[in-house]
Amino acid sequence: MKFKIENMTCGGCARSVTATIKELDQNAVVNIDIESKWVEVDTNVPEQEVIEALNEDGFPPVNV
């Protein structure tokens, strides 16, 4: 799954996003490009669960 997170502006934000996803699935593979604000996630967790967790942590994603 791939998301754009508009308010992810720094390495700290990227670490928070990664931590949020890893809380759902410790084996998730998370690739982040801070400049373009893209997050790619390889996980077995349903996409809606990932979106909800990111929303709760203040990083609402735009699904692409």
Protein backbone atom coordinates (compact mmCIF):
# COMPACT_ATOMS: atom_id res chain seq x y z
CA MET A 1 0.00 0.00 0.00
CA LYS A 2 1.16 3.52 -0.69
CA PHE A 3 0.21 6.75 1.04
CA LYS A 4 1.05 10.41 0.82
CA ILE A 5 1.30 12.11 4.22
CA GLU A 6 1.27 15.87 3.69
CA ASN A 7 2.30 16.85 7.23
CA MET A 8 5.34 14.53 7.40
CA THR A 9 8.13 17.10 7.21
CA CYS A 10 11.19 15.67 8.96
CA GLY A 11 13.02 12.59 10.16
CA GLY A 12 11.16 12.73 13.46
CA CYS A 13 7.85 12.56 11.62
CA ALA A 14 9.12 9.65 9.54
CA ARG A 15 10.20 7.80 12.70
CA SER A 16 6.76 8.36 14.23
CA VAL A 17 5.01 7.07 11.12
CA THR A 18 7.28 4.01 11.06
CA ALA A 19 6.71 3.35 14.77
CA THR A 20 2.95 3.59 14.34
CA ILE A 21 2.99 1.02 11.54
CA LYS A 22 5.42 -1.26 13.39
CA GLU A 23 3.05 -1.26 16.40
CA LEU A 24 0.47 -2.90 14.15
CA ASP A 25 2.94 -5.31 12.51
CA GLN A 26 6.52 -5.58 13.74
CA ASN A 27 7.46 -7.32 10.48
CA ALA A 28 6.07 -4.58 8.25
CA VAL A 29 8.45 -3.13 5.69
CA VAL A 30 8.17 0.67 5.65
CA ASN A 31 9.87 2.82 3.00
CA ILE A 32 9.61 6.59 3.40
CA ASP A 33 10.62 9.45 1.15
CA ILE A 34 10.37 12.57 3.31
CA GLU A 35 10.89 15.01 0.44
CA SER A 36 8.00 13.69 -1.63
CA LYS A 37 6.02 12.70 1.52
CA TRP A 38 5.42 9.16 0.21
CA VAL A 39 5.17 6.11 2.46
CA GLU A 40 5.15 2.57 1.08
CA VAL A 41 4.11 -0.20 3.44
CA ASP A 42 4.34 -3.95 2.95
CA THR A 43 2.21 -5.59 5.63
CA ASN A 44 -0.57 -8.12 6.12
CA VAL A 45 -2.52 -5.63 8.24
CA PRO A 46 -5.65 -4.37 6.46
CA GLU A 47 -5.17 -0.98 4.83
CA GLN A 48 -8.01 0.60 6.81
CA GLU A 49 -6.30 -0.34 10.11
CA VAL A 50 -3.09 1.35 8.98
CA ILE A 51 -5.01 4.47 7.92
CA GLU A 52 -6.85 4.63 11.26
CA ALA A 53 -3.63 4.25 13.27
CA LEU A 54 -1.91 6.98 11.26
CA ASN A 55 -4.93 9.27 11.69
CA GLU A 56 -4.87 8.70 15.47
CA ASP A 57 -1.18 9.63 15.59
CA GLY A 58 -1.72 12.87 13.68
CA PHE A 59 -0.42 11.77 10.29
CA PRO A 60 -3.53 11.46 8.12
CA PRO A 61 -2.61 9.71 4.88
CA VAL A 62 -3.95 10.23 1.40
CA ASN A 63 -4.31 6.84 -0.24
CA VAL A 64 -3.04 6.66 -3.82
